[in-house]
Amino acid sequence: MTNNKKPTDYVEYLSLGGEIAAGLSVPIFIGYGLDSYFDTSPWLLLVGCLIGIVNIFILIFKLNDRLNTK
C-alpha cells in the first residue's frame, strides 16, 4: 500500500485546522474581552460562542463546496 499524498496536501489540512481554531476562538476571546470591559458577563461571551459556531458551519459548507468541485 503506497501513500500518494503530496506534501502540499498536508499543508492544506494544517491550514484547515488553523482556520477552524481561529474561527472559533477569536470571537470567544473578543466576547470575553468585551465582557470584561463592559462588565456584562457572560452575555457577550455567549454571543462570541454563537458567532464562532456559525463561523465553523460556514467554513464546513465552503470546504464541502471546494471538495466537491475537485
PDB file of N, CA and C in Angstrom:
ATOM      1  N   MET A   1       0.845  -1.161   0.000  1.00  0.00           N
ATOM      2  CA  MET A   1       0.000   0.000   0.000  1.00  0.00           C
ATOM      3  C   MET A   1       0.898   1.234   0.000  1.00  0.00           C
ATOM      4  N   THR A   2       0.704   2.107  -0.986  1.00  0.00           N
ATOM      5  CA  THR A   2       1.536   3.299  -1.095  1.00  0.00           C
ATOM      6  C   THR A   2       0.736   4.541  -0.723  1.00  0.00           C
ATOM      7  N   ASN A   3       1.470   5.516  -0.282  1.00  0.00           N
ATOM      8  CA  ASN A   3       0.868   6.790   0.085  1.00  0.00           C
ATOM      9  C   ASN A   3       1.087   7.768  -1.064  1.00  0.00           C
ATOM     10  N   ASN A   4       0.013   8.149  -1.756  1.00  0.00           N
ATOM     11  CA  ASN A   4       0.115   9.020  -2.924  1.00  0.00           C
ATOM     12  C   ASN A   4      -0.119  10.486  -2.597  1.00  0.00           C
ATOM     13  N   LYS A   5      -0.054  10.855  -1.347  1.00  0.00           N
ATOM     14  CA  LYS A   5      -0.269  12.244  -0.951  1.00  0.00           C
ATOM     15  C   LYS A   5       1.015  13.040  -1.122  1.00  0.00           C
ATOM     16  N   LYS A   6       0.831  14.262  -1.594  1.00  0.00           N
ATOM     17  CA  LYS A   6       1.953  15.179  -1.744  1.00  0.00           C
ATOM     18  C   LYS A   6       2.076  16.010  -0.469  1.00  0.00           C
ATOM     19  N   PRO A   7       3.245  16.572  -0.199  1.00  0.00           N
ATOM     20  CA  PRO A   7       3.390  17.422   0.997  1.00  0.00           C
ATOM     21  C   PRO A   7       2.454  18.622   0.985  1.00  0.00           C
ATOM     22  N   THR A   8       2.083  19.112  -0.192  1.00  0.00           N
ATOM     23  CA  THR A   8       1.164  20.255  -0.245  1.00  0.00           C
ATOM     24  C   THR A   8      -0.230  19.879   0.245  1.00  0.00           C
ATOM     25  N   ASP A   9      -0.599  18.609   0.146  1.00  0.00           N
ATOM     26  CA  ASP A   9      -1.891  18.165   0.671  1.00  0.00           C
ATOM     27  C   ASP A   9      -1.924  18.290   2.186  1.00  0.00           C
ATOM     28  N   TYR A  10      -0.823  17.987   2.830  1.00  0.00           N
ATOM     29  CA  TYR A  10      -0.761  18.084   4.285  1.00  0.00           C
ATOM     30  C   TYR A  10      -0.806  19.535   4.751  1.00  0.00           C
ATOM     31  N   VAL A  11      -0.210  20.426   3.973  1.00  0.00           N
ATOM     32  CA  VAL A  11      -0.260  21.849   4.314  1.00  0.00           C
ATOM     33  C   VAL A  11      -1.700  22.340   4.254  1.00  0.00           C
ATOM     34  N   GLU A  12      -2.475  21.853   3.298  1.00  0.00           N
ATOM     35  CA  GLU A  12      -3.884  22.235   3.199  1.00  0.00           C
ATOM     36  C   GLU A  12      -4.655  21.779   4.436  1.00  0.00           C
ATOM     37  N   TYR A  13      -4.363  20.589   4.926  1.00  0.00           N
ATOM     38  CA  TYR A  13      -5.034  20.093   6.132  1.00  0.00           C
ATOM     39  C   TYR A  13      -4.631  20.903   7.364  1.00  0.00           C
ATOM     40  N   LEU A  14      -3.356  21.265   7.463  1.00  0.00           N
ATOM     41  CA  LEU A  14      -2.898  22.080   8.584  1.00  0.00           C
ATOM     42  C   LEU A  14      -3.529  23.466   8.567  1.00  0.00           C
ATOM     43  N   SER A  15      -3.655  24.045   7.388  1.00  0.00           N
ATOM     44  CA  SER A  15      -4.276  25.368   7.313  1.00  0.00           C
ATOM     45  C   SER A  15      -5.755  25.284   7.646  1.00  0.00           C
ATOM     46  N   LEU A  16      -6.396  24.187   7.312  1.00  0.00           N
ATOM     47  CA  LEU A  16      -7.793  23.993   7.668  1.00  0.00           C
ATOM     48  C   LEU A  16      -7.949  23.922   9.182  1.00  0.00           C
ATOM     49  N   GLY A  17      -7.050  23.245   9.848  1.00  0.00           N
ATOM     50  CA  GLY A  17      -7.083  23.196  11.308  1.00  0.00           C
ATOM     51  C   GLY A  17      -6.883  24.564  11.931  1.00  0.00           C
ATOM     52  N   GLY A  18      -6.004  25.359  11.356  1.00  0.00           N
ATOM     53  CA  GLY A  18      -5.796  26.725  11.844  1.00  0.00           C
ATOM     54  C   GLY A  18      -7.016  27.596  11.629  1.00  0.00           C
ATOM     55  N   GLU A  19      -7.687  27.432  10.481  1.00  0.00           N
ATOM     56  CA  GLU A  19      -8.902  28.191  10.216  1.00  0.00           C
ATOM     57  C   GLU A  19      -9.999  27.836  11.214  1.00  0.00           C
ATOM     58  N   ILE A  20     -10.133  26.565  11.508  1.00  0.00           N
ATOM     59  CA  ILE A  20     -11.155  26.127  12.464  1.00  0.00           C
ATOM     60  C   ILE A  20     -10.847  26.674  13.857  1.00  0.00           C
ATOM     61  N   ALA A  21      -9.601  26.578  14.269  1.00  0.00           N
ATOM     62  CA  ALA A  21      -9.228  27.071  15.601  1.00  0.00           C
ATOM     63  C   ALA A  21      -9.429  28.571  15.710  1.00  0.00           C
ATOM     64  N   ALA A  22      -9.018  29.323  14.696  1.00  0.00           N
ATOM     65  CA  ALA A  22      -9.170  30.776  14.732  1.00  0.00           C
ATOM     66  C   ALA A  22     -10.633  31.185  14.604  1.00  0.00           C
ATOM     67  N   GLY A  23     -11.369  30.488  13.751  1.00  0.00           N
ATOM     68  CA  GLY A  23     -12.774  30.836  13.548  1.00  0.00           C
ATOM     69  C   GLY A  23     -13.625  30.632  14.781  1.00  0.00           C
ATOM     70  N   LEU A  24     -13.204  29.757  15.655  1.00  0.00           N
ATOM     71  CA  LEU A  24     -13.949  29.520  16.880  1.00  0.00           C
ATOM     72  C   LEU A  24     -13.394  30.333  18.044  1.00  0.00           C
ATOM     73  N   SER A  25     -12.082  30.418  18.160  1.00  0.00           N
ATOM     74  CA  SER A  25     -11.507  31.040  19.357  1.00  0.00           C
ATOM     75  C   SER A  25     -11.484  32.565  19.319  1.00  0.00           C
ATOM     76  N   VAL A  26     -11.309  33.160  18.150  1.00  0.00           N
ATOM     77  CA  VAL A  26     -11.227  34.622  18.079  1.00  0.00           C
ATOM     78  C   VAL A  26     -12.509  35.294  18.554  1.00  0.00           C
ATOM     79  N   PRO A  27     -13.705  34.890  18.066  1.00  0.00           N
ATOM     80  CA  PRO A  27     -14.921  35.530  18.595  1.00  0.00           C
ATOM     81  C   PRO A  27     -15.136  35.284  20.088  1.00  0.00           C
ATOM     82  N   ILE A  28     -14.721  34.133  20.579  1.00  0.00           N
ATOM     83  CA  ILE A  28     -14.866  33.855  22.011  1.00  0.00           C
ATOM     84  C   ILE A  28     -13.979  34.788  22.824  1.00  0.00           C
ATOM     85  N   PHE A  29     -12.729  34.972  22.408  1.00  0.00           N
ATOM     86  CA  PHE A  29     -11.833  35.874  23.129  1.00  0.00           C
ATOM     87  C   PHE A  29     -12.293  37.328  23.035  1.00  0.00           C
ATOM     88  N   ILE A  30     -12.818  37.717  21.880  1.00  0.00           N
ATOM     89  CA  ILE A  30     -13.342  39.081  21.742  1.00  0.00           C
ATOM     90  C   ILE A  30     -14.537  39.277  22.669  1.00  0.00           C
ATOM     91  N   GLY A  31     -15.436  38.292  22.710  1.00  0.00           N
ATOM     92  CA  GLY A  31     -16.576  38.374  23.616  1.00  0.00           C
ATOM     93  C   GLY A  31     -16.151  38.436  25.066  1.00  0.00           C
ATOM     94  N   TYR A  32     -15.148  37.667  25.430  1.00  0.00           N
ATOM     95  CA  TYR A  32     -14.639  37.693  26.802  1.00  0.00           C
ATOM     96  C   TYR A  32     -14.040  39.055  27.139  1.00  0.00           C
ATOM     97  N   GLY A  33     -13.273  39.593  26.212  1.00  0.00           N
ATOM     98  CA  GLY A  33     -12.658  40.906  26.438  1.00  0.00           C
ATOM     99  C   GLY A  33     -13.707  42.008  26.553  1.00  0.00           C
ATOM    100  N   LEU A  34     -14.721  41.948  25.708  1.00  0.00           N
ATOM    101  CA  LEU A  34     -15.780  42.958  25.791  1.00  0.00           C
ATOM    102  C   LEU A  34     -16.601  42.804  27.067  1.00  0.00           C
ATOM    103  N   ASP A  35     -16.796  41.565  27.514  1.00  0.00           N
ATOM    104  CA  ASP A  35     -17.474  41.344  28.799  1.00  0.00           C
ATOM    105  C   ASP A  35     -16.686  41.962  29.940  1.00  0.00           C
ATOM    106  N   SER A  36     -15.390  41.815  29.906  1.00  0.00           N
ATOM    107  CA  SER A  36     -14.559  42.396  30.958  1.00  0.00           C
ATOM    108  C   SER A  36     -14.609  43.918  30.917  1.00  0.00           C
ATOM    109  N   TYR A  37     -14.627  44.469  29.717  1.00  0.00           N
ATOM    110  CA  TYR A  37     -14.622  45.924  29.566  1.00  0.00           C
ATOM    111  C   TYR A  37     -15.967  46.538  29.970  1.00  0.00           C
ATOM    112  N   PHE A  38     -17.070  45.944  29.517  1.00  0.00           N
ATOM    113  CA  PHE A  38     -18.401  46.500  29.775  1.00  0.00           C
ATOM    114  C   PHE A  38     -19.072  45.927  31.019  1.00  0.00           C
ATOM    115  N   ASP A  39     -18.444  44.942  31.652  1.00  0.00           N
ATOM    116  CA  ASP A  39     -18.990  44.284  32.851  1.00  0.00           C
ATOM    117  C   ASP A  39     -20.387  43.720  32.590  1.00  0.00           C
ATOM    118  N   THR A  40     -20.512  42.963  31.501  1.00  0.00           N
ATOM    119  CA  THR A  40     -21.791  42.362  31.111  1.00  0.00           C
ATOM    120  C   THR A  40     -21.731  40.844  31.135  1.00  0.00           C
ATOM    121  N   SER A  41     -20.859  40.291  31.918  1.00  0.00           N
ATOM    122  CA  SER A  41     -20.613  38.852  31.937  1.00  0.00           C
ATOM    123  C   SER A  41     -21.896  38.079  32.168  1.00  0.00           C
ATOM    124  N   PRO A  42     -22.137  37.023  31.508  1.00  0.00           N
ATOM    125  CA  PRO A  42     -21.476  36.286  30.432  1.00  0.00           C
ATOM    126  C   PRO A  42     -22.088  36.525  29.064  1.00  0.00           C
ATOM    127  N   TRP A  43     -22.847  37.591  28.872  1.00  0.00           N
ATOM    128  CA  TRP A  43     -23.646  37.730  27.658  1.00  0.00           C
ATOM    129  C   TRP A  43     -22.826  37.879  26.389  1.00  0.00           C
ATOM    130  N   LEU A  44     -21.836  38.718  26.386  1.00  0.00           N
ATOM    131  CA  LEU A  44     -21.041  38.897  25.174  1.00  0.00           C
ATOM    132  C   LEU A  44     -20.157  37.681  24.896  1.00  0.00           C
ATOM    133  N   LEU A  45     -19.786  36.964  25.934  1.00  0.00           N
ATOM    134  CA  LEU A  45     -19.060  35.709  25.742  1.00  0.00           C
ATOM    135  C   LEU A  45     -19.947  34.695  25.033  1.00  0.00           C
ATOM    136  N   LEU A  46     -21.206  34.633  25.425  1.00  0.00           N
ATOM    137  CA  LEU A  46     -22.141  33.717  24.768  1.00  0.00           C
ATOM    138  C   LEU A  46     -22.381  34.118  23.315  1.00  0.00           C
ATOM    139  N   VAL A  47     -22.472  35.415  23.063  1.00  0.00           N
ATOM    140  CA  VAL A  47     -22.619  35.888  21.684  1.00  0.00           C
ATOM    141  C   VAL A  47     -21.383  35.504  20.874  1.00  0.00           C
ATOM    142  N   GLY A  48     -20.211  35.637  21.462  1.00  0.00           N
ATOM    143  CA  GLY A  48     -18.976  35.229  20.785  1.00  0.00           C
ATOM    144  C   GLY A  48     -18.956  33.737  20.484  1.00  0.00           C
ATOM    145  N   CYS A  49     -19.477  32.933  21.407  1.00  0.00           N
ATOM    146  CA  CYS A  49     -19.558  31.481  21.162  1.00  0.00           C
ATOM    147  C   CYS A  49     -20.486  31.180  19.989  1.00  0.00           C
ATOM    148  N   LEU A  50     -21.620  31.858  19.952  1.00  0.00           N
ATOM    149  CA  LEU A  50     -22.559  31.629  18.849  1.00  0.00           C
ATOM    150  C   LEU A  50     -21.970  32.071  17.517  1.00  0.00           C
ATOM    151  N   ILE A  51     -21.289  33.193  17.504  1.00  0.00           N
ATOM    152  CA  ILE A  51     -20.648  33.659  16.270  1.00  0.00           C
ATOM    153  C   ILE A  51     -19.568  32.670  15.831  1.00  0.00           C
ATOM    154  N   GLY A  52     -18.811  32.141  16.775  1.00  0.00           N
ATOM    155  CA  GLY A  52     -17.792  31.150  16.448  1.00  0.00           C
ATOM    156  C   GLY A  52     -18.381  29.877  15.869  1.00  0.00           C
ATOM    157  N   ILE A  53     -19.496  29.429  16.412  1.00  0.00           N
ATOM    158  CA  ILE A  53     -20.149  28.222  15.901  1.00  0.00           C
ATOM    159  C   ILE A  53     -20.672  28.454  14.488  1.00  0.00           C
ATOM    160  N   VAL A  54     -21.258  29.629  14.257  1.00  0.00           N
ATOM    161  CA  VAL A  54     -21.734  29.960  12.909  1.00  0.00           C
ATOM    162  C   VAL A  54     -20.556  30.012  11.939  1.00  0.00           C
ATOM    163  N   ASN A  55     -19.427  30.563  12.380  1.00  0.00           N
ATOM    164  CA  ASN A  55     -18.224  30.586  11.542  1.00  0.00           C
ATOM    165  C   ASN A  55     -17.788  29.181  11.150  1.00  0.00           C
ATOM    166  N   ILE A  56     -17.841  28.256  12.088  1.00  0.00           N
ATOM    167  CA  ILE A  56     -17.433  26.884  11.799  1.00  0.00           C
ATOM    168  C   ILE A  56     -18.359  26.246  10.777  1.00  0.00           C
ATOM    169  N   PHE A  57     -19.674  26.463  10.918  1.00  0.00           N
ATOM    170  CA  PHE A  57     -20.611  25.902   9.942  1.00  0.00           C
ATOM    171  C   PHE A  57     -20.389  26.492   8.552  1.00  0.00           C
ATOM    172  N   ILE A  58     -20.138  27.800   8.475  1.00  0.00           N
ATOM    173  CA  ILE A  58     -19.858  28.417   7.179  1.00  0.00           C
ATOM    174  C   ILE A  58     -18.587  27.826   6.579  1.00  0.00           C
ATOM    175  N   LEU A  59     -17.569  27.624   7.403  1.00  0.00           N
ATOM    176  CA  LEU A  59     -16.316  27.026   6.937  1.00  0.00           C
ATOM    177  C   LEU A  59     -16.533  25.605   6.427  1.00  0.00           C
ATOM    178  N   ILE A  60     -17.362  24.846   7.106  1.00  0.00           N
ATOM    179  CA  ILE A  60     -17.638  23.470   6.679  1.00  0.00           C
ATOM    180  C   ILE A  60     -18.358  23.464   5.338  1.00  0.00           C
ATOM    181  N   PHE A  61     -19.336  24.370   5.148  1.00  0.00           N
ATOM    182  CA  PHE A  61     -20.054  24.423   3.877  1.00  0.00           C
ATOM    183  C   PHE A  61     -19.137  24.856   2.733  1.00  0.00           C
ATOM    184  N   LYS A  62     -18.245  25.815   2.988  1.00  0.00           N
ATOM    185  CA  LYS A  62     -17.289  26.224   1.963  1.00  0.00           C
ATOM    186  C   LYS A  62     -16.325  25.096   1.621  1.00  0.00           C
ATOM    187  N   LEU A  63     -15.886  24.357   2.635  1.00  0.00           N
ATOM    188  CA  LEU A  63     -14.995  23.230   2.402  1.00  0.00           C
ATOM    189  C   LEU A  63     -15.697  22.154   1.583  1.00  0.00           C
ATOM    190  N   ASN A  64     -16.960  21.908   1.877  1.00  0.00           N
ATOM    191  CA  ASN A  64     -17.738  20.918   1.144  1.00  0.00           C
ATOM    192  C   ASN A  64     -17.839  21.317  -0.327  1.00  0.00           C
ATOM    193  N   ASP A  65     -18.110  22.573  -0.597  1.00  0.00           N
ATOM    194  CA  ASP A  65     -18.180  23.033  -1.995  1.00  0.00           C
ATOM    195  C   ASP A  65     -16.833  22.896  -2.683  1.00  0.00           C
ATOM    196  N   ARG A  66     -15.764  23.240  -1.970  1.00  0.00           N
ATOM    197  CA  ARG A  66     -14.428  23.176  -2.553  1.00  0.00           C
ATOM    198  C   ARG A  66     -14.038  21.724  -2.864  1.00  0.00           C
ATOM    199  N   LEU A  67     -14.387  20.799  -1.973  1.00  0.00           N
ATOM    200  CA  LEU A  67     -14.017  19.403  -2.212  1.00  0.00           C
ATOM    201  C   LEU A  67     -14.881  18.753  -3.296  1.00  0.00           C
ATOM    202  N   ASN A  68     -16.115  19.207  -3.456  1.00  0.00           N
ATOM    203  CA  ASN A  68     -16.983  18.638  -4.476  1.00  0.00           C
ATOM    204  C   ASN A  68     -16.634  19.131  -5.869  1.00  0.00           C
ATOM    205  N   THR A  69     -15.921  20.233  -5.998  1.00  0.00           N
ATOM    206  CA  THR A  69     -15.556  20.739  -7.312  1.00  0.00           C
ATOM    207  C   THR A  69     -14.252  20.121  -7.812  1.00  0.00           C
ATOM    208  N   LYS A  70     -13.490  19.457  -6.964  1.00  0.00           N
ATOM    209  CA  LYS A  70     -12.227  18.833  -7.392  1.00  0.00           C
ATOM    210  C   LYS A  70     -12.482  17.604  -8.211  1.00  0.00           C
TER     211      LYS A  70
END
